[in-house]
Structure formats: structure tokens, C-alpha cells
N, C-alpha and C. Protein backbone atom coordinates (compact mmCIF):
# COMPACT_ATOMS: atom_id res chain seq x y z
N MET A 1 304.61 -30.53 -95.23
CA MET A 1 303.55 -31.14 -94.50
C MET A 1 303.15 -32.44 -95.15
N GLU A 2 302.60 -33.33 -94.34
CA GLU A 2 302.25 -34.69 -94.92
C GLU A 2 300.89 -34.91 -94.35
N LYS A 3 300.15 -35.61 -95.25
CA LYS A 3 298.58 -35.78 -95.04
C LYS A 3 298.60 -37.39 -94.46
N VAL A 4 298.09 -37.66 -93.29
CA VAL A 4 298.07 -38.80 -92.58
C VAL A 4 296.59 -39.29 -92.21
N LYS A 5 296.31 -40.51 -92.52
CA LYS A 5 295.06 -41.11 -92.20
C LYS A 5 295.04 -41.46 -90.78
N VAL A 6 294.02 -40.92 -89.96
CA VAL A 6 293.98 -41.15 -88.49
C VAL A 6 292.76 -42.02 -88.26
N PHE A 7 291.58 -41.88 -88.94
CA PHE A 7 290.39 -42.64 -88.48
C PHE A 7 289.46 -42.82 -89.79
N ASN A 8 288.60 -43.81 -89.70
CA ASN A 8 287.38 -43.77 -90.54
C ASN A 8 286.49 -42.99 -90.04
N LEU A 9 285.74 -42.20 -90.98
CA LEU A 9 284.80 -41.29 -90.37
C LEU A 9 283.83 -42.11 -89.48
N SER A 10 283.45 -43.25 -90.00
CA SER A 10 282.48 -44.01 -89.21
C SER A 10 282.92 -44.32 -87.66
N ASP A 11 284.24 -44.20 -87.42
CA ASP A 11 284.71 -44.30 -86.08
C ASP A 11 284.38 -43.07 -85.20
N LEU A 12 284.26 -41.99 -85.81
CA LEU A 12 283.97 -40.84 -84.86
C LEU A 12 282.57 -40.71 -84.61
N LYS A 13 282.17 -40.15 -83.23
CA LYS A 13 280.92 -39.89 -82.89
C LYS A 13 280.89 -38.34 -82.58
N PRO A 14 279.63 -37.71 -82.95
CA PRO A 14 279.49 -36.29 -82.66
C PRO A 14 279.70 -35.92 -81.23
N GLN A 15 280.62 -34.77 -81.12
CA GLN A 15 280.88 -34.32 -79.83
C GLN A 15 281.76 -35.19 -78.98
N ILE A 16 282.24 -36.26 -79.42
CA ILE A 16 283.06 -37.12 -78.63
C ILE A 16 284.44 -37.05 -79.17
N GLY A 17 285.45 -36.75 -78.57
CA GLY A 17 286.79 -36.65 -79.01
C GLY A 17 287.38 -38.14 -79.04
N MET A 18 288.32 -38.18 -80.02
CA MET A 18 289.17 -39.49 -80.06
C MET A 18 290.59 -39.11 -80.14
N LYS A 19 291.39 -39.71 -79.51
CA LYS A 19 292.86 -39.58 -79.38
C LYS A 19 293.54 -40.33 -80.50
N CYS A 20 294.67 -39.83 -81.14
CA CYS A 20 295.64 -40.71 -82.09
C CYS A 20 297.00 -40.09 -81.85
N PHE A 21 297.79 -40.84 -82.37
CA PHE A 21 299.28 -40.48 -82.47
C PHE A 21 299.87 -40.37 -83.86
N VAL A 22 300.41 -39.33 -84.06
CA VAL A 22 301.21 -39.31 -85.45
C VAL A 22 302.56 -38.99 -85.08
N GLY A 23 303.48 -39.97 -85.14
CA GLY A 23 304.89 -39.84 -84.66
C GLY A 23 304.72 -39.75 -83.13
N ASP A 24 305.32 -38.56 -82.69
CA ASP A 24 305.40 -38.21 -81.12
C ASP A 24 304.31 -37.30 -80.75
N GLN A 25 303.42 -36.97 -81.84
CA GLN A 25 302.48 -35.94 -81.61
C GLN A 25 301.15 -36.63 -81.16
N GLU A 26 300.60 -36.21 -79.97
CA GLU A 26 299.28 -36.81 -79.40
C GLU A 26 298.28 -35.67 -79.96
N ILE A 27 297.20 -36.25 -80.83
CA ILE A 27 296.30 -35.34 -81.35
C ILE A 27 294.85 -35.85 -81.03
N GLY A 28 294.02 -34.70 -80.66
CA GLY A 28 292.63 -34.90 -80.39
C GLY A 28 291.81 -34.61 -81.64
N VAL A 29 290.93 -35.45 -82.10
CA VAL A 29 290.12 -35.40 -83.29
C VAL A 29 288.58 -35.56 -82.83
N PHE A 30 287.90 -34.43 -83.39
CA PHE A 30 286.62 -34.17 -82.91
C PHE A 30 285.71 -34.01 -84.09
N LEU A 31 284.50 -34.70 -84.09
CA LEU A 31 283.43 -34.55 -85.13
C LEU A 31 282.35 -33.69 -84.39
N LEU A 32 282.14 -32.54 -84.94
CA LEU A 32 281.34 -31.53 -84.35
C LEU A 32 279.83 -31.84 -84.84
N ASP A 33 278.93 -31.36 -84.23
CA ASP A 33 277.46 -31.47 -84.45
C ASP A 33 277.03 -30.92 -85.84
N ASP A 34 277.79 -30.12 -86.27
CA ASP A 34 277.57 -29.54 -87.75
C ASP A 34 278.29 -30.32 -88.90
N GLY A 35 278.93 -31.51 -88.37
CA GLY A 35 279.60 -32.39 -89.34
C GLY A 35 280.96 -31.96 -89.66
N GLU A 36 281.58 -30.78 -89.13
CA GLU A 36 282.97 -30.51 -89.40
C GLU A 36 283.82 -31.31 -88.52
N ILE A 37 285.03 -31.47 -89.01
CA ILE A 37 285.99 -32.24 -88.14
C ILE A 37 287.11 -31.27 -87.74
N ARG A 38 287.57 -31.23 -86.59
CA ARG A 38 288.67 -30.50 -86.16
C ARG A 38 289.57 -31.42 -85.41
N ALA A 39 290.93 -31.05 -85.41
CA ALA A 39 291.98 -31.69 -84.78
C ALA A 39 292.80 -30.64 -84.19
N VAL A 40 293.25 -30.92 -82.91
CA VAL A 40 294.11 -30.17 -82.17
C VAL A 40 295.07 -30.93 -81.41
N SER A 41 296.19 -30.32 -80.89
CA SER A 41 297.02 -31.02 -79.87
C SER A 41 296.14 -31.54 -78.84
N ASN A 42 296.28 -32.76 -78.35
CA ASN A 42 295.55 -33.21 -77.33
C ASN A 42 295.87 -32.80 -75.81
N LEU A 43 296.96 -32.10 -75.72
CA LEU A 43 297.40 -31.77 -74.39
C LEU A 43 297.10 -30.39 -73.92
N CYS A 44 296.12 -30.23 -73.00
CA CYS A 44 295.78 -28.81 -72.65
C CYS A 44 297.10 -28.08 -72.10
N PRO A 45 297.21 -26.76 -72.36
CA PRO A 45 298.44 -26.05 -72.00
C PRO A 45 298.49 -25.76 -70.65
N HIS A 46 297.42 -26.00 -69.80
CA HIS A 46 297.30 -25.65 -68.35
C HIS A 46 298.16 -26.72 -67.58
N GLN A 47 297.60 -28.09 -67.63
CA GLN A 47 298.25 -29.06 -66.89
C GLN A 47 298.33 -30.36 -67.74
N GLN A 48 298.37 -30.11 -69.08
CA GLN A 48 298.53 -31.35 -69.93
C GLN A 48 297.41 -32.35 -69.94
N GLY A 49 296.22 -31.70 -69.63
CA GLY A 49 295.08 -32.67 -69.58
C GLY A 49 294.62 -33.26 -71.01
N PRO A 50 294.18 -34.44 -71.01
CA PRO A 50 293.83 -34.93 -72.33
C PRO A 50 292.49 -34.12 -72.98
N LEU A 51 292.57 -33.50 -73.85
CA LEU A 51 291.43 -32.77 -74.47
C LEU A 51 290.41 -33.66 -75.13
N SER A 52 290.83 -34.76 -75.64
CA SER A 52 289.98 -35.83 -76.14
C SER A 52 288.92 -36.29 -75.24
N ASP A 53 289.27 -36.21 -73.89
CA ASP A 53 288.30 -36.78 -72.79
C ASP A 53 287.52 -35.60 -72.44
N GLY A 54 287.70 -34.44 -73.03
CA GLY A 54 286.83 -33.21 -72.46
C GLY A 54 285.39 -33.09 -73.09
N THR A 55 284.55 -32.31 -72.60
CA THR A 55 283.24 -31.89 -73.06
C THR A 55 283.33 -31.10 -74.23
N VAL A 56 282.66 -31.46 -75.28
CA VAL A 56 282.60 -30.50 -76.59
C VAL A 56 281.26 -29.80 -76.69
N SER A 57 281.36 -28.47 -76.71
CA SER A 57 280.17 -27.63 -77.07
C SER A 57 280.44 -26.58 -78.10
N GLY A 58 279.56 -26.67 -79.22
CA GLY A 58 279.79 -25.96 -80.27
C GLY A 58 281.23 -26.26 -81.02
N HIS A 59 282.00 -25.19 -81.14
CA HIS A 59 283.35 -25.35 -81.71
C HIS A 59 284.36 -25.23 -80.63
N HIS A 60 284.18 -25.62 -79.35
CA HIS A 60 284.94 -25.61 -78.19
C HIS A 60 285.04 -26.91 -77.53
N VAL A 61 286.26 -27.10 -76.90
CA VAL A 61 286.32 -28.32 -75.95
C VAL A 61 286.68 -27.72 -74.62
N PHE A 62 286.04 -28.43 -73.52
CA PHE A 62 286.41 -28.01 -72.23
C PHE A 62 287.41 -29.08 -71.64
N CYS A 63 288.60 -28.74 -71.20
CA CYS A 63 289.42 -29.70 -70.62
C CYS A 63 288.91 -30.54 -69.42
N SER A 64 289.10 -31.79 -69.39
CA SER A 64 288.55 -32.62 -68.38
C SER A 64 289.05 -32.34 -66.99
N LEU A 65 290.20 -31.87 -66.97
CA LEU A 65 290.92 -31.56 -65.69
C LEU A 65 290.32 -30.28 -64.90
N HIS A 66 290.38 -29.21 -65.59
CA HIS A 66 290.11 -27.87 -64.88
C HIS A 66 289.10 -27.11 -65.72
N GLU A 67 288.46 -27.64 -66.56
CA GLU A 67 287.48 -26.93 -67.42
C GLU A 67 287.97 -25.76 -68.29
N ARG A 68 289.33 -25.76 -68.71
CA ARG A 68 289.80 -24.59 -69.55
C ARG A 68 289.01 -24.82 -70.90
N LYS A 69 288.46 -23.70 -71.33
CA LYS A 69 287.60 -23.70 -72.54
C LYS A 69 288.60 -23.53 -73.64
N ILE A 70 288.79 -24.35 -74.73
CA ILE A 70 289.76 -24.29 -75.83
C ILE A 70 288.97 -24.28 -77.23
N SER A 71 289.28 -23.22 -78.10
CA SER A 71 288.58 -23.11 -79.38
C SER A 71 289.21 -24.29 -80.25
N LEU A 72 288.32 -25.02 -80.82
CA LEU A 72 288.78 -25.94 -81.95
C LEU A 72 288.99 -25.29 -83.29
N GLU A 73 288.76 -24.09 -83.29
CA GLU A 73 288.82 -23.31 -84.62
C GLU A 73 290.34 -22.88 -84.65
N ASP A 74 290.91 -22.33 -83.54
CA ASP A 74 292.25 -21.60 -83.63
C ASP A 74 293.18 -22.13 -82.43
N GLY A 75 292.52 -22.97 -81.75
CA GLY A 75 293.49 -23.65 -80.56
C GLY A 75 293.62 -22.54 -79.28
N LYS A 76 293.03 -21.54 -79.28
CA LYS A 76 293.20 -20.45 -78.22
C LYS A 76 292.39 -20.77 -77.09
N VAL A 77 292.91 -20.73 -75.87
CA VAL A 77 292.25 -20.84 -74.62
C VAL A 77 291.37 -19.58 -74.44
N GLN A 78 290.04 -19.84 -74.16
CA GLN A 78 289.24 -18.68 -74.07
C GLN A 78 288.98 -18.01 -72.64
N PRO A 79 288.68 -16.76 -72.64
CA PRO A 79 288.48 -16.02 -71.41
C PRO A 79 287.42 -16.80 -70.49
N PRO A 80 287.61 -16.88 -69.28
CA PRO A 80 288.47 -15.87 -68.44
C PRO A 80 289.93 -16.41 -68.36
N ASP A 81 290.22 -17.61 -68.78
CA ASP A 81 291.47 -18.24 -68.67
C ASP A 81 292.27 -18.15 -69.91
N ALA A 82 292.26 -16.92 -70.44
CA ALA A 82 292.94 -16.81 -71.83
C ALA A 82 294.37 -16.85 -71.93
N ASP A 83 294.97 -17.78 -71.23
CA ASP A 83 296.31 -17.91 -71.48
C ASP A 83 296.89 -19.11 -71.99
N GLY A 84 297.48 -19.09 -73.16
CA GLY A 84 297.90 -20.42 -73.87
C GLY A 84 297.01 -20.76 -75.04
N CYS A 85 297.64 -21.56 -75.84
CA CYS A 85 296.86 -22.24 -76.92
C CYS A 85 297.43 -23.66 -77.39
N VAL A 86 296.76 -24.22 -78.20
CA VAL A 86 297.20 -25.66 -78.61
C VAL A 86 297.41 -25.57 -80.10
N GLU A 87 298.23 -26.35 -80.77
CA GLU A 87 298.23 -26.40 -82.22
C GLU A 87 297.08 -26.99 -82.69
N THR A 88 296.54 -26.39 -83.97
CA THR A 88 295.56 -26.91 -84.63
C THR A 88 296.08 -27.55 -85.97
N TYR A 89 295.29 -28.47 -86.52
CA TYR A 89 295.64 -29.40 -87.64
C TYR A 89 294.56 -29.28 -88.64
N LYS A 90 294.95 -29.12 -89.98
CA LYS A 90 293.91 -29.18 -90.99
C LYS A 90 293.59 -30.66 -91.28
N THR A 91 292.21 -30.73 -91.39
CA THR A 91 291.57 -31.88 -91.43
C THR A 91 290.98 -32.09 -92.90
N GLU A 92 290.77 -33.30 -93.46
CA GLU A 92 290.16 -33.63 -94.57
C GLU A 92 289.47 -35.08 -94.60
N VAL A 93 288.32 -35.20 -95.27
CA VAL A 93 287.67 -36.44 -95.36
C VAL A 93 287.65 -36.85 -96.77
N GLU A 94 288.11 -38.10 -97.15
CA GLU A 94 288.23 -38.67 -98.57
C GLU A 94 287.54 -39.95 -98.44
N ASN A 95 286.65 -40.35 -99.19
CA ASN A 95 286.22 -41.74 -99.34
C ASN A 95 285.87 -42.33 -97.83
N GLY A 96 285.29 -41.45 -97.03
CA GLY A 96 285.14 -42.09 -95.75
C GLY A 96 286.21 -42.30 -94.77
N GLU A 97 287.34 -41.65 -95.15
CA GLU A 97 288.61 -41.61 -94.40
C GLU A 97 288.96 -40.17 -93.84
N VAL A 98 289.43 -40.18 -92.63
CA VAL A 98 289.80 -38.80 -92.11
C VAL A 98 291.20 -38.72 -91.98
N PHE A 99 291.73 -37.65 -92.47
CA PHE A 99 292.99 -37.30 -92.72
C PHE A 99 293.50 -36.03 -91.85
N ILE A 100 294.65 -35.93 -91.31
CA ILE A 100 295.15 -34.73 -90.93
C ILE A 100 296.52 -34.35 -91.50
N TRP A 101 296.69 -33.06 -91.61
CA TRP A 101 297.91 -32.68 -92.18
C TRP A 101 298.92 -32.32 -90.86
N VAL A 102 299.99 -33.03 -91.01
CA VAL A 102 301.06 -32.59 -89.93
C VAL A 102 302.43 -32.15 -90.57
């Protein structure tokens, strides 16, 4: 695994996703209201909607295309549409910089 800087912490806004690319992987990064940072594959497993454009509520994001609810903790699609999941990435903040492990 490799630790990659993706943003400065000051770039992130609570409950608003941001998209980045690490190699060919499109990743959504989210600063939650409780200060935690989560990173998941940015493409919804249903129809590849960009999760970083979705609505964040608690530790979940709702896909902007069809409102699939996805956990930012484990990447699983939540009931009633509990089919599929997205990859999650470990995050770390160091000296005001946000890193993910890929």
C-alpha cells in the first residue's frame, strides 16, 4: 500500500464530497460533521454515479443519480437497495494535509 496526499484539510468542507484521482482510481473524499475523513471509490455500483456529488448525512452518502445510500464506513449499499458496495480507503491527516492509502 502507498500513502498519497490528496488534499489540504482546508480544501474540504463538512458534508461536501470532493473528487480526486490516484492513478486510474476515482476517489470521493468526505469531511464529516464529526471531523472524521472518509474516502471511498467515487462511482456508485448501481449506475456509476459520482458519489462526491451526493448528499452526505451522518456517515452515509446518497448517490446523486438514484439516491442509493452508501456507508462511508464500510462501502456497503444500505437497505432497501442493499446490493453492492464500493471500495473504502484508509485516511490520515498530517500537518494539515489529507492522505489516503491505496
